[in-house]
PDB file of all heavy atoms in Angstrom:
ATOM      1  N   MET A   1       1.206  35.984  19.887  1.00  0.00           N
ATOM      2  CA  MET A   1       1.993  36.440  18.821  1.00  0.00           C
ATOM      3  C   MET A   1       2.243  35.249  17.965  1.00  0.00           C
ATOM      4  O   MET A   1       2.876  34.152  18.349  1.00  0.00           O
ATOM      5  CB  MET A   1       3.309  36.949  19.357  1.00  0.00           C
ATOM      6  CG  MET A   1       4.244  37.433  18.294  1.00  0.00           C
ATOM      7  SD  MET A   1       5.534  38.510  19.151  1.00  0.00           S
ATOM      8  CE  MET A   1       6.868  37.856  18.518  1.00  0.00           C
ATOM      9  N   SER A   2       2.026  35.297  16.700  1.00  0.00           N
ATOM     10  CA  SER A   2       2.388  34.257  15.672  1.00  0.00           C
ATOM     11  C   SER A   2       3.720  34.403  15.123  1.00  0.00           C
ATOM     12  O   SER A   2       4.303  35.464  15.060  1.00  0.00           O
ATOM     13  CB  SER A   2       1.377  34.196  14.586  1.00  0.00           C
ATOM     14  OG  SER A   2       1.479  35.365  13.781  1.00  0.00           O
ATOM     15  N   ARG A   3       4.311  33.261  14.772  1.00  0.00           N
ATOM     16  CA  ARG A   3       5.721  33.337  14.115  1.00  0.00           C
ATOM     17  C   ARG A   3       5.495  32.945  12.792  1.00  0.00           C
ATOM     18  O   ARG A   3       4.775  32.031  12.333  1.00  0.00           O
ATOM     19  CB  ARG A   3       6.600  32.342  14.846  1.00  0.00           C
ATOM     20  CG  ARG A   3       6.927  32.853  16.304  1.00  0.00           C
ATOM     21  CD  ARG A   3       7.927  32.022  16.951  1.00  0.00           C
ATOM     22  NE  ARG A   3       7.258  30.848  17.730  1.00  0.00           N
ATOM     23  CZ  ARG A   3       7.918  29.830  18.125  1.00  0.00           C
ATOM     24  NH1 ARG A   3       9.171  29.579  17.949  1.00  0.00           N
ATOM     25  NH2 ARG A   3       7.232  28.926  18.817  1.00  0.00           N
ATOM     26  N   THR A   4       6.431  33.489  12.010  1.00  0.00           N
ATOM     27  CA  THR A   4       6.485  33.139  10.534  1.00  0.00           C
ATOM     28  C   THR A   4       7.972  32.705  10.279  1.00  0.00           C
ATOM     29  O   THR A   4       8.913  33.315  10.617  1.00  0.00           O
ATOM     30  CB  THR A   4       6.257  34.432   9.559  1.00  0.00           C
ATOM     31  OG1 THR A   4       4.925  34.747   9.823  1.00  0.00           O
ATOM     32  CG2 THR A   4       6.431  33.997   8.234  1.00  0.00           C
ATOM     33  N   VAL A   5       8.179  31.478   9.629  1.00  0.00           N
ATOM     34  CA  VAL A   5       9.366  31.031   9.250  1.00  0.00           C
ATOM     35  C   VAL A   5       9.354  30.987   7.690  1.00  0.00           C
ATOM     36  O   VAL A   5       8.594  30.387   7.092  1.00  0.00           O
ATOM     37  CB  VAL A   5       9.699  29.614   9.867  1.00  0.00           C
ATOM     38  CG1 VAL A   5      10.918  29.023   9.323  1.00  0.00           C
ATOM     39  CG2 VAL A   5       9.640  29.566  11.319  1.00  0.00           C
ATOM     40  N   LEU A   6      10.436  31.566   7.172  1.00  0.00           N
ATOM     41  CA  LEU A   6      10.693  31.421   5.736  1.00  0.00           C
ATOM     42  C   LEU A   6      11.938  30.674   5.421  1.00  0.00           C
ATOM     43  O   LEU A   6      12.924  31.086   5.913  1.00  0.00           O
ATOM     44  CB  LEU A   6      10.785  33.030   5.199  1.00  0.00           C
ATOM     45  CG  LEU A   6      10.904  33.066   3.765  1.00  0.00           C
ATOM     46  CD1 LEU A   6       9.760  32.512   2.975  1.00  0.00           C
ATOM     47  CD2 LEU A   6      11.241  34.558   3.376  1.00  0.00           C
ATOM     48  N   LEU A   7      11.685  29.534   4.777  1.00  0.00           N
ATOM     49  CA  LEU A   7      12.863  28.704   4.321  1.00  0.00           C
ATOM     50  C   LEU A   7      12.960  28.750   2.958  1.00  0.00           C
ATOM     51  O   LEU A   7      12.115  28.453   2.184  1.00  0.00           O
ATOM     52  CB  LEU A   7      12.569  27.251   4.894  1.00  0.00           C
ATOM     53  CG  LEU A   7      13.564  26.211   4.497  1.00  0.00           C
ATOM     54  CD1 LEU A   7      15.025  26.576   5.246  1.00  0.00           C
ATOM     55  CD2 LEU A   7      13.087  24.864   4.893  1.00  0.00           C
ATOM     56  N   CYS A   8      14.216  29.315   2.451  1.00  0.00           N
ATOM     57  CA  CYS A   8      14.431  29.410   1.111  1.00  0.00           C
ATOM     58  C   CYS A   8      15.628  28.496   0.735  1.00  0.00           C
ATOM     59  O   CYS A   8      16.667  28.552   1.391  1.00  0.00           O
ATOM     60  CB  CYS A   8      14.894  30.823   0.714  1.00  0.00           C
ATOM     61  SG  CYS A   8      13.631  32.093   1.086  1.00  0.00           S
ATOM     62  N   VAL A   9      15.468  27.728  -0.338  1.00  0.00           N
ATOM     63  CA  VAL A   9      16.437  26.783  -0.828  1.00  0.00           C
ATOM     64  C   VAL A   9      16.850  27.241  -2.150  1.00  0.00           C
ATOM     65  O   VAL A   9      16.043  26.831  -3.168  1.00  0.00           O
ATOM     66  CB  VAL A   9      16.051  25.384  -0.909  1.00  0.00           C
ATOM     67  CG1 VAL A   9      17.116  24.562  -1.274  1.00  0.00           C
ATOM     68  CG2 VAL A   9      15.679  25.062   0.571  1.00  0.00           C
ATOM     69  N   ASP A  10      17.730  28.301  -2.265  1.00  0.00           N
ATOM     70  CA  ASP A  10      18.112  28.757  -3.618  1.00  0.00           C
ATOM     71  C   ASP A  10      18.812  27.681  -4.309  1.00  0.00           C
ATOM     72  O   ASP A  10      19.925  27.308  -4.023  1.00  0.00           O
ATOM     73  CB  ASP A  10      18.876  30.096  -3.372  1.00  0.00           C
ATOM     74  CG  ASP A  10      19.093  30.789  -4.676  1.00  0.00           C
ATOM     75  OD1 ASP A  10      18.494  30.585  -5.717  1.00  0.00           O
ATOM     76  OD2 ASP A  10      19.908  31.718  -4.735  1.00  0.00           O
ATOM     77  N   GLY A  11      18.373  27.429  -5.630  1.00  0.00           N
ATOM     78  CA  GLY A  11      19.094  26.495  -6.360  1.00  0.00           C
ATOM     79  C   GLY A  11      18.768  24.977  -5.959  1.00  0.00           C
ATOM     80  O   GLY A  11      19.286  24.035  -6.742  1.00  0.00           O
ATOM     81  N   GLY A  12      17.825  24.815  -5.130  1.00  0.00           N
ATOM     82  CA  GLY A  12      17.441  23.418  -4.658  1.00  0.00           C
ATOM     83  C   GLY A  12      16.457  22.913  -5.593  1.00  0.00           C
ATOM     84  O   GLY A  12      15.672  23.651  -6.186  1.00  0.00           O
ATOM     85  N   ASP A  13      16.380  21.557  -5.661  1.00  0.00           N
ATOM     86  CA  ASP A  13      15.296  20.924  -6.541  1.00  0.00           C
ATOM     87  C   ASP A  13      14.341  20.345  -5.602  1.00  0.00           C
ATOM     88  O   ASP A  13      14.507  19.400  -4.839  1.00  0.00           O
ATOM     89  CB  ASP A  13      16.023  19.861  -7.353  1.00  0.00           C
ATOM     90  CG  ASP A  13      15.083  19.211  -8.322  1.00  0.00           C
ATOM     91  OD1 ASP A  13      13.854  19.113  -8.073  1.00  0.00           O
ATOM     92  OD2 ASP A  13      15.578  18.693  -9.462  1.00  0.00           O
ATOM     93  N   PHE A  14      13.001  20.932  -5.728  1.00  0.00           N
ATOM     94  CA  PHE A  14      11.946  20.507  -4.813  1.00  0.00           C
ATOM     95  C   PHE A  14      11.596  19.001  -4.940  1.00  0.00           C
ATOM     96  O   PHE A  14      11.193  18.423  -3.925  1.00  0.00           O
ATOM     97  CB  PHE A  14      10.766  21.297  -5.073  1.00  0.00           C
ATOM     98  CG  PHE A  14       9.729  21.119  -4.011  1.00  0.00           C
ATOM     99  CD1 PHE A  14       9.916  21.411  -2.698  1.00  0.00           C
ATOM    100  CD2 PHE A  14       8.428  20.531  -4.286  1.00  0.00           C
ATOM    101  CE1 PHE A  14       8.967  21.203  -1.775  1.00  0.00           C
ATOM    102  CE2 PHE A  14       7.515  20.317  -3.418  1.00  0.00           C
ATOM    103  CZ  PHE A  14       7.668  20.729  -2.039  1.00  0.00           C
ATOM    104  N   ARG A  15      11.822  18.497  -6.085  1.00  0.00           N
ATOM    105  CA  ARG A  15      11.630  17.052  -6.269  1.00  0.00           C
ATOM    106  C   ARG A  15      12.564  16.161  -5.400  1.00  0.00           C
ATOM    107  O   ARG A  15      12.084  15.154  -4.901  1.00  0.00           O
ATOM    108  CB  ARG A  15      11.754  16.645  -7.878  1.00  0.00           C
ATOM    109  CG  ARG A  15      10.693  17.265  -8.666  1.00  0.00           C
ATOM    110  CD  ARG A  15      11.013  17.039 -10.102  1.00  0.00           C
ATOM    111  NE  ARG A  15      12.326  17.785 -10.409  1.00  0.00           N
ATOM    112  CZ  ARG A  15      12.855  17.884 -11.623  1.00  0.00           C
ATOM    113  NH1 ARG A  15      12.449  17.197 -12.612  1.00  0.00           N
ATOM    114  NH2 ARG A  15      13.994  18.556 -11.717  1.00  0.00           N
ATOM    115  N   VAL A  16      13.752  16.530  -5.323  1.00  0.00           N
ATOM    116  CA  VAL A  16      14.688  15.865  -4.359  1.00  0.00           C
ATOM    117  C   VAL A  16      14.139  15.907  -2.956  1.00  0.00           C
ATOM    118  O   VAL A  16      14.243  14.967  -2.320  1.00  0.00           O
ATOM    119  CB  VAL A  16      16.098  16.371  -4.515  1.00  0.00           C
ATOM    120  CG1 VAL A  16      16.969  15.813  -3.509  1.00  0.00           C
ATOM    121  CG2 VAL A  16      16.632  16.291  -5.925  1.00  0.00           C
ATOM    122  N   ALA A  17      13.786  17.160  -2.559  1.00  0.00           N
ATOM    123  CA  ALA A  17      13.274  17.293  -1.175  1.00  0.00           C
ATOM    124  C   ALA A  17      12.052  16.452  -0.992  1.00  0.00           C
ATOM    125  O   ALA A  17      11.882  15.858   0.118  1.00  0.00           O
ATOM    126  CB  ALA A  17      12.920  18.753  -0.885  1.00  0.00           C
ATOM    127  N   GLN A  18      11.126  16.442  -1.886  1.00  0.00           N
ATOM    128  CA  GLN A  18       9.906  15.583  -1.859  1.00  0.00           C
ATOM    129  C   GLN A  18      10.316  14.166  -1.599  1.00  0.00           C
ATOM    130  O   GLN A  18       9.703  13.479  -0.812  1.00  0.00           O
ATOM    131  CB  GLN A  18       9.140  15.852  -3.081  1.00  0.00           C
ATOM    132  CG  GLN A  18       8.247  17.073  -3.118  1.00  0.00           C
ATOM    133  CD  GLN A  18       7.466  17.245  -4.297  1.00  0.00           C
ATOM    134  OE1 GLN A  18       7.937  17.035  -5.366  1.00  0.00           O
ATOM    135  NE2 GLN A  18       6.183  17.503  -4.158  1.00  0.00           N
ATOM    136  N   ASN A  19      11.292  13.585  -2.383  1.00  0.00           N
ATOM    137  CA  ASN A  19      11.608  12.235  -2.274  1.00  0.00           C
ATOM    138  C   ASN A  19      12.231  11.974  -0.876  1.00  0.00           C
ATOM    139  O   ASN A  19      12.020  11.004  -0.314  1.00  0.00           O
ATOM    140  CB  ASN A  19      12.595  11.880  -3.224  1.00  0.00           C
ATOM    141  CG  ASN A  19      11.941  11.801  -4.755  1.00  0.00           C
ATOM    142  OD1 ASN A  19      10.847  11.646  -4.884  1.00  0.00           O
ATOM    143  ND2 ASN A  19      12.767  12.020  -5.780  1.00  0.00           N
ATOM    144  N   LEU A  20      13.129  12.842  -0.458  1.00  0.00           N
ATOM    145  CA  LEU A  20      13.628  12.638   0.890  1.00  0.00           C
ATOM    146  C   LEU A  20      12.531  12.745   2.022  1.00  0.00           C
ATOM    147  O   LEU A  20      12.636  12.060   2.947  1.00  0.00           O
ATOM    148  CB  LEU A  20      14.756  13.689   1.148  1.00  0.00           C
ATOM    149  CG  LEU A  20      15.986  13.581   0.292  1.00  0.00           C
ATOM    150  CD1 LEU A  20      16.832  14.784   0.509  1.00  0.00           C
ATOM    151  CD2 LEU A  20      16.717  12.351   0.760  1.00  0.00           C
ATOM    152  N   VAL A  21      11.602  13.717   1.876  1.00  0.00           N
ATOM    153  CA  VAL A  21      10.541  13.830   2.856  1.00  0.00           C
ATOM    154  C   VAL A  21       9.745  12.465   2.772  1.00  0.00           C
ATOM    155  O   VAL A  21       9.461  11.860   3.832  1.00  0.00           O
ATOM    156  CB  VAL A  21       9.732  14.947   2.550  1.00  0.00           C
ATOM    157  CG1 VAL A  21       8.440  14.918   3.351  1.00  0.00           C
ATOM    158  CG2 VAL A  21      10.387  16.302   2.959  1.00  0.00           C
ATOM    159  N   ALA A  22       9.579  12.006   1.647  1.00  0.00           N
ATOM    160  CA  ALA A  22       8.561  10.830   1.533  1.00  0.00           C
ATOM    161  C   ALA A  22       9.291   9.556   2.132  1.00  0.00           C
ATOM    162  O   ALA A  22       8.614   8.600   2.633  1.00  0.00           O
ATOM    163  CB  ALA A  22       8.335  10.559   0.070  1.00  0.00           C
ATOM    164  N   SER A  23      10.619   9.491   1.963  1.00  0.00           N
ATOM    165  CA  SER A  23      11.373   8.411   2.587  1.00  0.00           C
ATOM    166  C   SER A  23      11.664   8.468   4.037  1.00  0.00           C
ATOM    167  O   SER A  23      12.245   7.601   4.593  1.00  0.00           O
ATOM    168  CB  SER A  23      12.759   8.172   1.729  1.00  0.00           C
ATOM    169  OG  SER A  23      13.526   9.175   2.091  1.00  0.00           O
ATOM    170  N   GLY A  24      11.191   9.561   4.651  1.00  0.00           N
ATOM    171  CA  GLY A  24      11.350   9.674   6.128  1.00  0.00           C
ATOM    172  C   GLY A  24      12.674  10.359   6.429  1.00  0.00           C
ATOM    173  O   GLY A  24      13.095  10.577   7.618  1.00  0.00           O
ATOM    174  N   GLY A  25      13.453  10.809   5.467  1.00  0.00           N
ATOM    175  CA  GLY A  25      14.790  11.405   5.716  1.00  0.00           C
ATOM    176  C   GLY A  25      14.780  12.840   6.220  1.00  0.00           C
ATOM    177  O   GLY A  25      15.909  13.286   6.625  1.00  0.00           O
ATOM    178  N   MET A  26      13.572  13.509   6.062  1.00  0.00           N
ATOM    179  CA  MET A  26      13.680  14.926   6.541  1.00  0.00           C
ATOM    180  C   MET A  26      12.309  15.201   7.284  1.00  0.00           C
ATOM    181  O   MET A  26      11.435  15.865   6.897  1.00  0.00           O
ATOM    182  CB  MET A  26      13.681  15.900   5.281  1.00  0.00           C
ATOM    183  CG  MET A  26      14.851  15.704   4.430  1.00  0.00           C
ATOM    184  SD  MET A  26      14.815  16.595   2.928  1.00  0.00           S
ATOM    185  CE  MET A  26      14.922  18.395   3.514  1.00  0.00           C
ATOM    186  N   PRO A  27      12.263  14.603   8.532  1.00  0.00           N
ATOM    187  CA  PRO A  27      10.987  14.779   9.343  1.00  0.00           C
ATOM    188  C   PRO A  27      10.735  16.159   9.727  1.00  0.00           C
ATOM    189  O   PRO A  27       9.481  16.583   9.737  1.00  0.00           O
ATOM    190  CB  PRO A  27      11.259  13.885  10.546  1.00  0.00           C
ATOM    191  CG  PRO A  27      12.769  13.862  10.670  1.00  0.00           C
ATOM    192  CD  PRO A  27      13.373  13.824   9.224  1.00  0.00           C
ATOM    193  N   VAL A  28      11.621  17.043  10.011  1.00  0.00           N
ATOM    194  CA  VAL A  28      11.205  18.475  10.297  1.00  0.00           C
ATOM    195  C   VAL A  28      10.693  19.216   9.094  1.00  0.00           C
ATOM    196  O   VAL A  28       9.792  19.899   9.214  1.00  0.00           O
ATOM    197  CB  VAL A  28      12.438  19.126  10.914  1.00  0.00           C
ATOM    198  CG1 VAL A  28      12.121  20.643  11.207  1.00  0.00           C
ATOM    199  CG2 VAL A  28      12.830  18.485  12.192  1.00  0.00           C
ATOM    200  N   THR A  29      11.301  19.002   7.941  1.00  0.00           N
ATOM    201  CA  THR A  29      10.831  19.578   6.744  1.00  0.00           C
ATOM    202  C   THR A  29       9.505  18.994   6.481  1.00  0.00           C
ATOM    203  O   THR A  29       8.550  19.847   5.926  1.00  0.00           O
ATOM    204  CB  THR A  29      11.875  19.215   5.585  1.00  0.00           C
ATOM    205  OG1 THR A  29      13.042  19.737   5.934  1.00  0.00           O
ATOM    206  CG2 THR A  29      11.298  19.924   4.333  1.00  0.00           C
ATOM    207  N   LYS A  30       9.266  17.770   6.634  1.00  0.00           N
ATOM    208  CA  LYS A  30       7.882  17.119   6.363  1.00  0.00           C
ATOM    209  C   LYS A  30       6.936  17.894   7.183  1.00  0.00           C
ATOM    210  O   LYS A  30       5.689  18.346   6.724  1.00  0.00           O
ATOM    211  CB  LYS A  30       7.843  15.691   6.704  1.00  0.00           C
ATOM    212  CG  LYS A  30       6.466  15.086   6.592  1.00  0.00           C
ATOM    213  CD  LYS A  30       6.483  13.529   6.885  1.00  0.00           C
ATOM    214  CE  LYS A  30       5.155  13.041   6.777  1.00  0.00           C
ATOM    215  NZ  LYS A  30       5.118  11.580   7.024  1.00  0.00           N
ATOM    216  N   ARG A  31       7.107  18.112   8.499  1.00  0.00           N
ATOM    217  CA  ARG A  31       6.204  18.810   9.399  1.00  0.00           C
ATOM    218  C   ARG A  31       5.992  20.330   8.797  1.00  0.00           C
ATOM    219  O   ARG A  31       4.842  20.788   9.012  1.00  0.00           O
ATOM    220  CB  ARG A  31       6.699  18.803  10.822  1.00  0.00           C
ATOM    221  CG  ARG A  31       5.570  19.176  11.837  1.00  0.00           C
ATOM    222  CD  ARG A  31       5.979  18.994  13.256  1.00  0.00           C
ATOM    223  NE  ARG A  31       6.710  20.057  13.668  1.00  0.00           N
ATOM    224  CZ  ARG A  31       7.798  19.987  14.346  1.00  0.00           C
ATOM    225  NH1 ARG A  31       8.420  18.755  14.650  1.00  0.00           N
ATOM    226  NH2 ARG A  31       8.608  20.992  14.721  1.00  0.00           N
ATOM    227  N   LEU A  32       7.016  20.932   8.402  1.00  0.00           N
ATOM    228  CA  LEU A  32       6.834  22.222   8.075  1.00  0.00           C
ATOM    229  C   LEU A  32       5.927  22.266   6.710  1.00  0.00           C
ATOM    230  O   LEU A  32       5.091  23.186   6.617  1.00  0.00           O
ATOM    231  CB  LEU A  32       8.213  22.898   7.662  1.00  0.00           C
ATOM    232  CG  LEU A  32       9.146  23.248   8.801  1.00  0.00           C
ATOM    233  CD1 LEU A  32      10.576  23.691   8.393  1.00  0.00           C
ATOM    234  CD2 LEU A  32       8.480  24.461   9.663  1.00  0.00           C
ATOM    235  N   LEU A  33       6.190  21.381   5.901  1.00  0.00           N
ATOM    236  CA  LEU A  33       5.430  21.264   4.724  1.00  0.00           C
ATOM    237  C   LEU A  33       3.865  20.991   4.948  1.00  0.00           C
ATOM    238  O   LEU A  33       3.023  21.537   4.205  1.00  0.00           O
ATOM    239  CB  LEU A  33       5.910  20.312   3.710  1.00  0.00           C
ATOM    240  CG  LEU A  33       7.356  20.484   3.031  1.00  0.00           C
ATOM    241  CD1 LEU A  33       7.867  19.304   2.343  1.00  0.00           C
ATOM    242  CD2 LEU A  33       7.080  21.609   2.017  1.00  0.00           C
ATOM    243  N   GLU A  34       3.688  20.131   5.930  1.00  0.00           N
ATOM    244  CA  GLU A  34       2.303  19.817   6.378  1.00  0.00           C
ATOM    245  C   GLU A  34       1.557  21.058   6.927  1.00  0.00           C
ATOM    246  O   GLU A  34       0.302  21.083   6.737  1.00  0.00           O
ATOM    247  CB  GLU A  34       2.334  18.639   7.257  1.00  0.00           C
ATOM    248  CG  GLU A  34       2.663  17.348   6.707  1.00  0.00           C
ATOM    249  CD  GLU A  34       2.902  16.178   7.715  1.00  0.00           C
ATOM    250  OE1 GLU A  34       2.927  16.473   8.897  1.00  0.00           O
ATOM    251  OE2 GLU A  34       2.980  15.189   7.295  1.00  0.00           O
ATOM    252  N   GLN A  35       2.248  21.933   7.670  1.00  0.00           N
ATOM    253  CA  GLN A  35       1.715  23.036   8.306  1.00  0.00           C
ATOM    254  C   GLN A  35       1.843  24.270   7.564  1.00  0.00           C
ATOM    255  O   GLN A  35       1.052  25.305   7.913  1.00  0.00           O
ATOM    256  CB  GLN A  35       2.331  23.290   9.722  1.00  0.00           C
ATOM    257  CG  GLN A  35       2.299  22.034  10.660  1.00  0.00           C
ATOM    258  CD  GLN A  35       3.011  22.335  11.813  1.00  0.00           C
ATOM    259  OE1 GLN A  35       3.634  23.243  12.112  1.00  0.00           O
ATOM    260  NE2 GLN A  35       3.026  21.284  12.792  1.00  0.00           N
ATOM    261  N   GLY A  36       2.361  24.387   6.450  1.00  0.00           N
ATOM    262  CA  GLY A  36       2.680  25.796   5.833  1.00  0.00           C
ATOM    263  C   GLY A  36       2.316  25.622   4.307  1.00  0.00           C
ATOM    264  O   GLY A  36       1.408  24.834   3.966  1.00  0.00           O
ATOM    265  N   SER A  37       2.861  26.449   3.499  1.00  0.00           N
ATOM    266  CA  SER A  37       2.613  26.466   2.126  1.00  0.00           C
ATOM    267  C   SER A  37       3.986  26.482   1.339  1.00  0.00           C
ATOM    268  O   SER A  37       5.047  26.860   2.028  1.00  0.00           O
ATOM    269  CB  SER A  37       1.720  27.564   1.806  1.00  0.00           C
ATOM    270  OG  SER A  37       2.471  28.733   2.107  1.00  0.00           O
ATOM    271  N   VAL A  38       4.010  26.100   0.155  1.00  0.00           N
ATOM    272  CA  VAL A  38       5.134  26.126  -0.661  1.00  0.00           C
ATOM    273  C   VAL A  38       5.006  27.072  -1.917  1.00  0.00           C
ATOM    274  O   VAL A  38       3.977  26.950  -2.466  1.00  0.00           O
ATOM    275  CB  VAL A  38       5.437  24.727  -1.271  1.00  0.00           C
ATOM    276  CG1 VAL A  38       6.638  24.665  -2.215  1.00  0.00           C
ATOM    277  CG2 VAL A  38       5.652  23.667  -0.067  1.00  0.00           C
ATOM    278  N   VAL A  39       5.999  27.734  -2.212  1.00  0.00           N
ATOM    279  CA  VAL A  39       5.913  28.707  -3.404  1.00  0.00           C
ATOM    280  C   VAL A  39       7.166  28.306  -4.253  1.00  0.00           C
ATOM    281  O   VAL A  39       8.346  28.302  -3.664  1.00  0.00           O
ATOM    282  CB  VAL A  39       6.047  30.198  -2.938  1.00  0.00           C
ATOM    283  CG1 VAL A  39       6.143  31.143  -4.142  1.00  0.00           C
ATOM    284  CG2 VAL A  39       4.754  30.540  -2.129  1.00  0.00           C
ATOM    285  N   HIS A  40       6.950  28.006  -5.449  1.00  0.00           N
ATOM    286  CA  HIS A  40       8.084  27.695  -6.343  1.00  0.00           C
ATOM    287  C   HIS A  40       8.328  29.018  -7.214  1.00  0.00           C
ATOM    288  O   HIS A  40       7.479  29.506  -7.850  1.00  0.00           O
ATOM    289  CB  HIS A  40       7.688  26.667  -7.239  1.00  0.00           C
ATOM    290  CG  HIS A  40       7.333  25.322  -6.647  1.00  0.00           C
ATOM    291  ND1 HIS A  40       8.345  24.411  -6.332  1.00  0.00           N
ATOM    292  CD2 HIS A  40       6.156  24.796  -6.265  1.00  0.00           C
ATOM    293  CE1 HIS A  40       7.774  23.469  -5.779  1.00  0.00           C
ATOM    294  NE2 HIS A  40       6.448  23.583  -5.616  1.00  0.00           N
ATOM    295  N   MET A  41       9.564  29.370  -7.146  1.00  0.00           N
ATOM    296  CA  MET A  41      10.137  30.491  -8.125  1.00  0.00           C
ATOM    297  C   MET A  41      11.057  29.975  -9.019  1.00  0.00           C
ATOM    298  O   MET A  41      11.951  29.173  -8.688  1.00  0.00           O
ATOM    299  CB  MET A  41      10.723  31.522  -7.217  1.00  0.00           C
ATOM    300  CG  MET A  41       9.732  32.348  -6.288  1.00  0.00           C
ATOM    301  SD  MET A  41      10.584  33.688  -5.454  1.00  0.00           S
ATOM    302  CE  MET A  41      11.334  34.583  -6.812  1.00  0.00           C
TER     303      MET A  41
END
């Protein structure tokens, strides 16, 4: 059975998250981004 995780950041700025991921500040988010996909609304 596969699992799906949907992470929504309403009002968040993806550029801020990208900078934090790149600096090593969000390792779990980095792994999710590497294994999943991103949709910008």
